[in-house]
Amino acid sequence: MSFFGVGDQDWVELDIDVVERRGAAGLVAALEDNRAAVSAAIGSPFEVEFAADGSIIVAGVRRRYRAEVDRTGRLLFTGILDPDGPL
């Protein structure tokens, strides 16, 4: 973060990439720290993957989930539709 300004006004400039990387690293750490609970919740062991858009994917044996931390700080999983599966 850097502070800059003109005259008596100051602005804060944030490095959003750094913030996002820290958020992703924290999410991966939370998944690893809670591996047993996550495996039980999705019904299989899992691997953590990084999607092209920077999101975190939890890949179980049969399903894949987009993982994020919700506004209350809880892990949130959203199922990803399998293009070869039923509609």
PDB file of N, CA and C in Angstrom:
ATOM      1  N   MET A   1       0.852  -1.155   0.000  1.00  0.00           N
ATOM      2  CA  MET A   1       0.000   0.000   0.000  1.00  0.00           C
ATOM      3  C   MET A   1       0.902   1.222   0.000  1.00  0.00           C
ATOM      4  N   SER A   2       0.514   2.205  -0.756  1.00  0.00           N
ATOM      5  CA  SER A   2       1.286   3.437  -0.752  1.00  0.00           C
ATOM      6  C   SER A   2       0.343   4.611  -0.561  1.00  0.00           C
ATOM      7  N   PHE A   3       0.849   5.640   0.072  1.00  0.00           N
ATOM      8  CA  PHE A   3       0.075   6.852   0.293  1.00  0.00           C
ATOM      9  C   PHE A   3       0.630   7.940  -0.620  1.00  0.00           C
ATOM     10  N   PHE A   4      -0.242   8.639  -1.295  1.00  0.00           N
ATOM     11  CA  PHE A   4       0.203   9.742  -2.132  1.00  0.00           C
ATOM     12  C   PHE A   4      -0.903  10.778  -2.162  1.00  0.00           C
ATOM     13  N   GLY A   5      -0.584  11.962  -2.521  1.00  0.00           N
ATOM     14  CA  GLY A   5      -1.597  13.002  -2.571  1.00  0.00           C
ATOM     15  C   GLY A   5      -1.041  14.306  -3.094  1.00  0.00           C
ATOM     16  N   VAL A   6      -1.944  15.225  -3.251  1.00  0.00           N
ATOM     17  CA  VAL A   6      -1.576  16.549  -3.708  1.00  0.00           C
ATOM     18  C   VAL A   6      -2.135  17.530  -2.684  1.00  0.00           C
ATOM     19  N   GLY A   7      -1.287  18.379  -2.173  1.00  0.00           N
ATOM     20  CA  GLY A   7      -1.756  19.360  -1.195  1.00  0.00           C
ATOM     21  C   GLY A   7      -2.156  18.686   0.095  1.00  0.00           C
ATOM     22  N   ASP A   8      -3.314  19.059   0.609  1.00  0.00           N
ATOM     23  CA  ASP A   8      -3.752  18.514   1.891  1.00  0.00           C
ATOM     24  C   ASP A   8      -4.628  17.270   1.741  1.00  0.00           C
ATOM     25  N   GLN A   9      -4.750  16.749   0.526  1.00  0.00           N
ATOM     26  CA  GLN A   9      -5.551  15.549   0.301  1.00  0.00           C
ATOM     27  C   GLN A   9      -4.637  14.351   0.084  1.00  0.00           C
ATOM     28  N   ASP A  10      -4.983  13.243   0.692  1.00  0.00           N
ATOM     29  CA  ASP A  10      -4.204  12.015   0.521  1.00  0.00           C
ATOM     30  C   ASP A  10      -5.107  10.913  -0.009  1.00  0.00           C
ATOM     31  N   TRP A  11      -4.519  10.015  -0.811  1.00  0.00           N
ATOM     32  CA  TRP A  11      -5.216   8.850  -1.328  1.00  0.00           C
ATOM     33  C   TRP A  11      -4.446   7.613  -0.912  1.00  0.00           C
ATOM     34  N   VAL A  12      -5.140   6.538  -0.794  1.00  0.00           N
ATOM     35  CA  VAL A  12      -4.502   5.265  -0.482  1.00  0.00           C
ATOM     36  C   VAL A  12      -4.591   4.403  -1.733  1.00  0.00           C
ATOM     37  N   GLU A  13      -3.452   3.857  -2.146  1.00  0.00           N
ATOM     38  CA  GLU A  13      -3.413   2.973  -3.300  1.00  0.00           C
ATOM     39  C   GLU A  13      -3.138   1.559  -2.784  1.00  0.00           C
ATOM     40  N   LEU A  14      -4.006   0.624  -3.106  1.00  0.00           N
ATOM     41  CA  LEU A  14      -3.850  -0.757  -2.666  1.00  0.00           C
ATOM     42  C   LEU A  14      -3.396  -1.623  -3.829  1.00  0.00           C
ATOM     43  N   ASP A  15      -2.535  -2.561  -3.539  1.00  0.00           N
ATOM     44  CA  ASP A  15      -2.135  -3.543  -4.539  1.00  0.00           C
ATOM     45  C   ASP A  15      -3.142  -4.685  -4.459  1.00  0.00           C
ATOM     46  N   ILE A  16      -4.162  -4.641  -5.310  1.00  0.00           N
ATOM     47  CA  ILE A  16      -5.255  -5.609  -5.257  1.00  0.00           C
ATOM     48  C   ILE A  16      -4.754  -7.021  -5.503  1.00  0.00           C
ATOM     49  N   ASP A  17      -3.758  -7.207  -6.362  1.00  0.00           N
ATOM     50  CA  ASP A  17      -3.220  -8.543  -6.613  1.00  0.00           C
ATOM     51  C   ASP A  17      -2.667  -9.164  -5.337  1.00  0.00           C
ATOM     52  N   VAL A  18      -1.980  -8.364  -4.532  1.00  0.00           N
ATOM     53  CA  VAL A  18      -1.432  -8.872  -3.270  1.00  0.00           C
ATOM     54  C   VAL A  18      -2.564  -9.264  -2.331  1.00  0.00           C
ATOM     55  N   VAL A  19      -3.589  -8.435  -2.249  1.00  0.00           N
ATOM     56  CA  VAL A  19      -4.735  -8.733  -1.385  1.00  0.00           C
ATOM     57  C   VAL A  19      -5.410 -10.021  -1.828  1.00  0.00           C
ATOM     58  N   GLU A  20      -5.605 -10.181  -3.142  1.00  0.00           N
ATOM     59  CA  GLU A  20      -6.254 -11.387  -3.654  1.00  0.00           C
ATOM     60  C   GLU A  20      -5.398 -12.627  -3.408  1.00  0.00           C
ATOM     61  N   ARG A  21      -4.069 -12.521  -3.580  1.00  0.00           N
ATOM     62  CA  ARG A  21      -3.189 -13.670  -3.335  1.00  0.00           C
ATOM     63  C   ARG A  21      -3.234 -14.068  -1.866  1.00  0.00           C
ATOM     64  N   ARG A  22      -3.249 -13.089  -0.976  1.00  0.00           N
ATOM     65  CA  ARG A  22      -3.331 -13.396   0.451  1.00  0.00           C
ATOM     66  C   ARG A  22      -4.656 -14.071   0.776  1.00  0.00           C
ATOM     67  N   GLY A  23      -5.731 -13.598   0.147  1.00  0.00           N
ATOM     68  CA  GLY A  23      -7.035 -14.223   0.358  1.00  0.00           C
ATOM     69  C   GLY A  23      -7.056 -15.659  -0.125  1.00  0.00           C
ATOM     70  N   ALA A  24      -6.470 -15.908  -1.307  1.00  0.00           N
ATOM     71  CA  ALA A  24      -6.408 -17.266  -1.852  1.00  0.00           C
ATOM     72  C   ALA A  24      -5.533 -18.153  -0.978  1.00  0.00           C
ATOM     73  N   ALA A  25      -4.404 -17.626  -0.518  1.00  0.00           N
ATOM     74  CA  ALA A  25      -3.513 -18.408   0.347  1.00  0.00           C
ATOM     75  C   ALA A  25      -4.211 -18.746   1.662  1.00  0.00           C
ATOM     76  N   GLY A  26      -4.974 -17.807   2.191  1.00  0.00           N
ATOM     77  CA  GLY A  26      -5.725 -18.065   3.432  1.00  0.00           C
ATOM     78  C   GLY A  26      -6.799 -19.117   3.226  1.00  0.00           C
ATOM     79  N   LEU A  27      -7.448 -19.084   2.068  1.00  0.00           N
ATOM     80  CA  LEU A  27      -8.481 -20.073   1.763  1.00  0.00           C
ATOM     81  C   LEU A  27      -7.874 -21.461   1.626  1.00  0.00           C
ATOM     82  N   VAL A  28      -6.756 -21.561   0.911  1.00  0.00           N
ATOM     83  CA  VAL A  28      -6.086 -22.856   0.753  1.00  0.00           C
ATOM     84  C   VAL A  28      -5.642 -23.375   2.126  1.00  0.00           C
ATOM     85  N   ALA A  29      -5.117 -22.495   2.961  1.00  0.00           N
ATOM     86  CA  ALA A  29      -4.698 -22.899   4.312  1.00  0.00           C
ATOM     87  C   ALA A  29      -5.895 -23.390   5.125  1.00  0.00           C
ATOM     88  N   ALA A  30      -7.035 -22.719   5.005  1.00  0.00           N
ATOM     89  CA  ALA A  30      -8.241 -23.144   5.724  1.00  0.00           C
ATOM     90  C   ALA A  30      -8.712 -24.511   5.237  1.00  0.00           C
ATOM     91  N   LEU A  31      -8.635 -24.745   3.929  1.00  0.00           N
ATOM     92  CA  LEU A  31      -9.020 -26.046   3.388  1.00  0.00           C
ATOM     93  C   LEU A  31      -8.097 -27.138   3.909  1.00  0.00           C
ATOM     94  N   GLU A  32      -6.802 -26.867   3.932  1.00  0.00           N
ATOM     95  CA  GLU A  32      -5.839 -27.855   4.427  1.00  0.00           C
ATOM     96  C   GLU A  32      -6.019 -28.093   5.929  1.00  0.00           C
ATOM     97  N   ASP A  33      -6.225 -27.029   6.685  1.00  0.00           N
ATOM     98  CA  ASP A  33      -6.402 -27.154   8.136  1.00  0.00           C
ATOM     99  C   ASP A  33      -7.656 -27.936   8.493  1.00  0.00           C
ATOM    100  N   ASN A  34      -8.649 -27.880   7.615  1.00  0.00           N
ATOM    101  CA  ASN A  34      -9.935 -28.542   7.869  1.00  0.00           C
ATOM    102  C   ASN A  34     -10.180 -29.681   6.894  1.00  0.00           C
ATOM    103  N   ARG A  35      -9.103 -30.318   6.444  1.00  0.00           N
ATOM    104  CA  ARG A  35      -9.197 -31.363   5.419  1.00  0.00           C
ATOM    105  C   ARG A  35     -10.182 -32.468   5.798  1.00  0.00           C
ATOM    106  N   ALA A  36     -10.135 -32.951   7.018  1.00  0.00           N
ATOM    107  CA  ALA A  36     -11.031 -34.049   7.435  1.00  0.00           C
ATOM    108  C   ALA A  36     -12.491 -33.614   7.372  1.00  0.00           C
ATOM    109  N   ALA A  37     -12.789 -32.416   7.850  1.00  0.00           N
ATOM    110  CA  ALA A  37     -14.174 -31.932   7.840  1.00  0.00           C
ATOM    111  C   ALA A  37     -14.658 -31.683   6.414  1.00  0.00           C
ATOM    112  N   VAL A  38     -13.792 -31.126   5.565  1.00  0.00           N
ATOM    113  CA  VAL A  38     -14.173 -30.875   4.172  1.00  0.00           C
ATOM    114  C   VAL A  38     -14.402 -32.199   3.446  1.00  0.00           C
ATOM    115  N   SER A  39     -13.515 -33.162   3.652  1.00  0.00           N
ATOM    116  CA  SER A  39     -13.679 -34.484   3.028  1.00  0.00           C
ATOM    117  C   SER A  39     -14.986 -35.125   3.462  1.00  0.00           C
ATOM    118  N   ALA A  40     -15.316 -35.017   4.740  1.00  0.00           N
ATOM    119  CA  ALA A  40     -16.578 -35.586   5.238  1.00  0.00           C
ATOM    120  C   ALA A  40     -17.775 -34.864   4.618  1.00  0.00           C
ATOM    121  N   ALA A  41     -17.680 -33.547   4.471  1.00  0.00           N
ATOM    122  CA  ALA A  41     -18.794 -32.771   3.927  1.00  0.00           C
ATOM    123  C   ALA A  41     -19.054 -33.078   2.460  1.00  0.00           C
ATOM    124  N   ILE A  42     -17.992 -33.277   1.673  1.00  0.00           N
ATOM    125  CA  ILE A  42     -18.208 -33.546   0.244  1.00  0.00           C
ATOM    126  C   ILE A  42     -18.252 -35.034  -0.064  1.00  0.00           C
ATOM    127  N   GLY A  43     -17.937 -35.861   0.914  1.00  0.00           N
ATOM    128  CA  GLY A  43     -18.070 -37.302   0.755  1.00  0.00           C
ATOM    129  C   GLY A  43     -16.911 -37.995   0.071  1.00  0.00           C
ATOM    130  N   SER A  44     -15.768 -37.329  -0.013  1.00  0.00           N
ATOM    131  CA  SER A  44     -14.594 -37.967  -0.633  1.00  0.00           C
ATOM    132  C   SER A  44     -13.352 -37.148  -0.320  1.00  0.00           C
ATOM    133  N   PRO A  45     -12.171 -37.751  -0.526  1.00  0.00           N
ATOM    134  CA  PRO A  45     -10.948 -36.960  -0.458  1.00  0.00           C
ATOM    135  C   PRO A  45     -10.981 -35.906  -1.566  1.00  0.00           C
ATOM    136  N   PHE A  46     -10.136 -34.901  -1.471  1.00  0.00           N
ATOM    137  CA  PHE A  46     -10.159 -33.845  -2.474  1.00  0.00           C
ATOM    138  C   PHE A  46      -8.765 -33.296  -2.739  1.00  0.00           C
ATOM    139  N   GLU A  47      -8.652 -32.632  -3.855  1.00  0.00           N
ATOM    140  CA  GLU A  47      -7.456 -31.881  -4.239  1.00  0.00           C
ATOM    141  C   GLU A  47      -7.859 -30.428  -4.410  1.00  0.00           C
ATOM    142  N   VAL A  48      -6.940 -29.524  -4.151  1.00  0.00           N
ATOM    143  CA  VAL A  48      -7.179 -28.097  -4.354  1.00  0.00           C
ATOM    144  C   VAL A  48      -6.568 -27.700  -5.688  1.00  0.00           C
ATOM    145  N   GLU A  49      -7.355 -27.023  -6.522  1.00  0.00           N
ATOM    146  CA  GLU A  49      -6.896 -26.568  -7.830  1.00  0.00           C
ATOM    147  C   GLU A  49      -7.143 -25.068  -7.949  1.00  0.00           C
ATOM    148  N   PHE A  50      -6.382 -24.430  -8.819  1.00  0.00           N
ATOM    149  CA  PHE A  50      -6.564 -23.012  -9.096  1.00  0.00           C
ATOM    150  C   PHE A  50      -7.142 -22.863 -10.489  1.00  0.00           C
ATOM    151  N   ALA A  51      -8.293 -22.207 -10.595  1.00  0.00           N
ATOM    152  CA  ALA A  51      -8.924 -21.981 -11.897  1.00  0.00           C
ATOM    153  C   ALA A  51      -8.223 -20.824 -12.604  1.00  0.00           C
ATOM    154  N   ALA A  52      -8.435 -20.722 -13.906  1.00  0.00           N
ATOM    155  CA  ALA A  52      -7.812 -19.669 -14.701  1.00  0.00           C
ATOM    156  C   ALA A  52      -8.213 -18.278 -14.230  1.00  0.00           C
ATOM    157  N   ASP A  53      -9.411 -18.160 -13.669  1.00  0.00           N
ATOM    158  CA  ASP A  53      -9.879 -16.847 -13.195  1.00  0.00           C
ATOM    159  C   ASP A  53      -9.393 -16.517 -11.787  1.00  0.00           C
ATOM    160  N   GLY A  54      -8.561 -17.392 -11.217  1.00  0.00           N
ATOM    161  CA  GLY A  54      -8.008 -17.146  -9.890  1.00  0.00           C
ATOM    162  C   GLY A  54      -8.807 -17.738  -8.751  1.00  0.00           C
ATOM    163  N   SER A  55      -9.945 -18.332  -9.057  1.00  0.00           N
ATOM    164  CA  SER A  55     -10.743 -18.932  -7.996  1.00  0.00           C
ATOM    165  C   SER A  55     -10.154 -20.281  -7.577  1.00  0.00           C
ATOM    166  N   ILE A  56     -10.566 -20.732  -6.413  1.00  0.00           N
ATOM    167  CA  ILE A  56     -10.072 -21.974  -5.843  1.00  0.00           C
ATOM    168  C   ILE A  56     -11.124 -23.055  -6.080  1.00  0.00           C
ATOM    169  N   ILE A  57     -10.669 -24.192  -6.602  1.00  0.00           N
ATOM    170  CA  ILE A  57     -11.547 -25.323  -6.895  1.00  0.00           C
ATOM    171  C   ILE A  57     -11.192 -26.470  -5.958  1.00  0.00           C
ATOM    172  N   VAL A  58     -12.223 -27.053  -5.333  1.00  0.00           N
ATOM    173  CA  VAL A  58     -12.060 -28.259  -4.535  1.00  0.00           C
ATOM    174  C   VAL A  58     -12.560 -29.403  -5.415  1.00  0.00           C
ATOM    175  N   ALA A  59     -11.636 -30.267  -5.807  1.00  0.00           N
ATOM    176  CA  ALA A  59     -11.971 -31.365  -6.715  1.00  0.00           C
ATOM    177  C   ALA A  59     -12.053 -32.658  -5.923  1.00  0.00           C
ATOM    178  N   GLY A  60     -13.291 -33.123  -5.717  1.00  0.00           N
ATOM    179  CA  GLY A  60     -13.503 -34.404  -5.066  1.00  0.00           C
ATOM    180  C   GLY A  60     -13.445 -35.516  -6.083  1.00  0.00           C
ATOM    181  N   VAL A  61     -13.754 -36.728  -5.654  1.00  0.00           N
ATOM    182  CA  VAL A  61     -13.724 -37.878  -6.551  1.00  0.00           C
ATOM    183  C   VAL A  61     -14.793 -37.755  -7.632  1.00  0.00           C
ATOM    184  N   ARG A  62     -16.005 -37.330  -7.255  1.00  0.00           N
ATOM    185  CA  ARG A  62     -17.108 -37.282  -8.213  1.00  0.00           C
ATOM    186  C   ARG A  62     -17.550 -35.878  -8.586  1.00  0.00           C
ATOM    187  N   ARG A  63     -17.304 -34.907  -7.714  1.00  0.00           N
ATOM    188  CA  ARG A  63     -17.795 -33.540  -7.945  1.00  0.00           C
ATOM    189  C   ARG A  63     -16.675 -32.535  -7.769  1.00  0.00           C
ATOM    190  N   ARG A  64     -16.892 -31.374  -8.355  1.00  0.00           N
ATOM    191  CA  ARG A  64     -15.968 -30.247  -8.181  1.00  0.00           C
ATOM    192  C   ARG A  64     -16.763 -29.075  -7.620  1.00  0.00           C
ATOM    193  N   TYR A  65     -16.111 -28.294  -6.769  1.00  0.00           N
ATOM    194  CA  TYR A  65     -16.761 -27.165  -6.111  1.00  0.00           C
ATOM    195  C   TYR A  65     -15.879 -25.930  -6.192  1.00  0.00           C
ATOM    196  N   ARG A  66     -16.501 -24.793  -6.371  1.00  0.00           N
ATOM    197  CA  ARG A  66     -15.788 -23.528  -6.250  1.00  0.00           C
ATOM    198  C   ARG A  66     -15.825 -23.173  -4.773  1.00  0.00           C
ATOM    199  N   ALA A  67     -14.670 -22.907  -4.182  1.00  0.00           N
ATOM    200  CA  ALA A  67     -14.577 -22.623  -2.753  1.00  0.00           C
ATOM    201  C   ALA A  67     -14.304 -21.142  -2.531  1.00  0.00           C
ATOM    202  N   GLU A  68     -14.943 -20.587  -1.530  1.00  0.00           N
ATOM    203  CA  GLU A  68     -14.696 -19.202  -1.144  1.00  0.00           C
ATOM    204  C   GLU A  68     -15.055 -19.025   0.323  1.00  0.00           C
ATOM    205  N   VAL A  69     -14.671 -17.912   0.864  1.00  0.00           N
ATOM    206  CA  VAL A  69     -15.035 -17.577   2.232  1.00  0.00           C
ATOM    207  C   VAL A  69     -16.172 -16.577   2.134  1.00  0.00           C
ATOM    208  N   ASP A  70     -17.302 -16.875   2.805  1.00  0.00           N
ATOM    209  CA  ASP A  70     -18.436 -15.954   2.722  1.00  0.00           C
ATOM    210  C   ASP A  70     -18.214 -14.763   3.651  1.00  0.00           C
ATOM    211  N   ARG A  71     -19.163 -13.850   3.666  1.00  0.00           N
ATOM    212  CA  ARG A  71     -18.977 -12.610   4.432  1.00  0.00           C
ATOM    213  C   ARG A  71     -18.952 -12.818   5.933  1.00  0.00           C
ATOM    214  N   THR A  72     -19.390 -13.994   6.388  1.00  0.00           N
ATOM    215  CA  THR A  72     -19.325 -14.294   7.820  1.00  0.00           C
ATOM    216  C   THR A  72     -18.062 -15.060   8.184  1.00  0.00           C
ATOM    217  N   GLY A  73     -17.206 -15.331   7.181  1.00  0.00           N
ATOM    218  CA  GLY A  73     -15.953 -16.027   7.435  1.00  0.00           C
ATOM    219  C   GLY A  73     -16.040 -17.539   7.353  1.00  0.00           C
ATOM    220  N   ARG A  74     -17.162 -18.058   6.878  1.00  0.00           N
ATOM    221  CA  ARG A  74     -17.334 -19.506   6.751  1.00  0.00           C
ATOM    222  C   ARG A  74     -16.958 -19.964   5.358  1.00  0.00           C
ATOM    223  N   LEU A  75     -16.475 -21.216   5.267  1.00  0.00           N
ATOM    224  CA  LEU A  75     -16.165 -21.787   3.952  1.00  0.00           C
ATOM    225  C   LEU A  75     -17.470 -22.040   3.206  1.00  0.00           C
ATOM    226  N   LEU A  76     -17.523 -21.636   1.956  1.00  0.00           N
ATOM    227  CA  LEU A  76     -18.705 -21.797   1.125  1.00  0.00           C
ATOM    228  C   LEU A  76     -18.303 -22.560  -0.125  1.00  0.00           C
ATOM    229  N   PHE A  77     -19.038 -23.620  -0.444  1.00  0.00           N
ATOM    230  CA  PHE A  77     -18.774 -24.433  -1.631  1.00  0.00           C
ATOM    231  C   PHE A  77     -19.956 -24.325  -2.578  1.00  0.00           C
ATOM    232  N   THR A  78     -19.662 -24.052  -3.832  1.00  0.00           N
ATOM    233  CA  THR A  78     -20.687 -24.004  -4.863  1.00  0.00           C
ATOM    234  C   THR A  78     -20.361 -25.090  -5.872  1.00  0.00           C
ATOM    235  N   GLY A  79     -21.311 -26.012  -6.096  1.00  0.00           N
ATOM    236  CA  GLY A  79     -21.089 -27.104  -7.034  1.00  0.00           C
ATOM    237  C   GLY A  79     -20.895 -26.596  -8.449  1.00  0.00           C
ATOM    238  N   ILE A  80     -19.949 -27.178  -9.154  1.00  0.00           N
ATOM    239  CA  ILE A  80     -19.700 -26.852 -10.559  1.00  0.00           C
ATOM    240  C   ILE A  80     -20.349 -27.945 -11.396  1.00  0.00           C
ATOM    241  N   LEU A  81     -21.187 -27.526 -12.330  1.00  0.00           N
ATOM    242  CA  LEU A  81     -21.865 -28.502 -13.176  1.00  0.00           C
ATOM    243  C   LEU A  81     -20.866 -29.233 -14.064  1.00  0.00           C
ATOM    244  N   ASP A  82     -21.048 -30.524 -14.165  1.00  0.00           N
ATOM    245  CA  ASP A  82     -20.216 -31.353 -15.027  1.00  0.00           C
ATOM    246  C   ASP A  82     -20.795 -31.260 -16.448  1.00  0.00           C
ATOM    247  N   PRO A  83     -20.010 -30.794 -17.417  1.00  0.00           N
ATOM    248  CA  PRO A  83     -20.556 -30.677 -18.774  1.00  0.00           C
ATOM    249  C   PRO A  83     -20.991 -32.002 -19.366  1.00  0.00           C
ATOM    250  N   ASP A  84     -20.474 -33.115 -18.867  1.00  0.00           N
ATOM    251  CA  ASP A  84     -20.857 -34.425 -19.370  1.00  0.00           C
ATOM    252  C   ASP A  84     -21.968 -35.064 -18.545  1.00  0.00           C
ATOM    253  N   GLY A  85     -22.388 -34.380 -17.482  1.00  0.00           N
ATOM    254  CA  GLY A  85     -23.394 -34.945 -16.577  1.00  0.00           C
ATOM    255  C   GLY A  85     -24.803 -34.556 -16.973  1.00  0.00           C
ATOM    256  N   PRO A  86     -25.767 -34.924 -16.132  1.00  0.00           N
ATOM    257  CA  PRO A  86     -27.167 -34.596 -16.435  1.00  0.00           C
ATOM    258  C   PRO A  86     -27.408 -33.094 -16.280  1.00  0.00           C
ATOM    259  N   LEU A  87     -28.359 -32.583 -17.009  1.00  0.00           N
ATOM    260  CA  LEU A  87     -28.681 -31.150 -16.947  1.00  0.00           C
ATOM    261  C   LEU A  87     -29.568 -30.826 -15.805  1.00  0.00           C
TER     262      LEU A  87
END
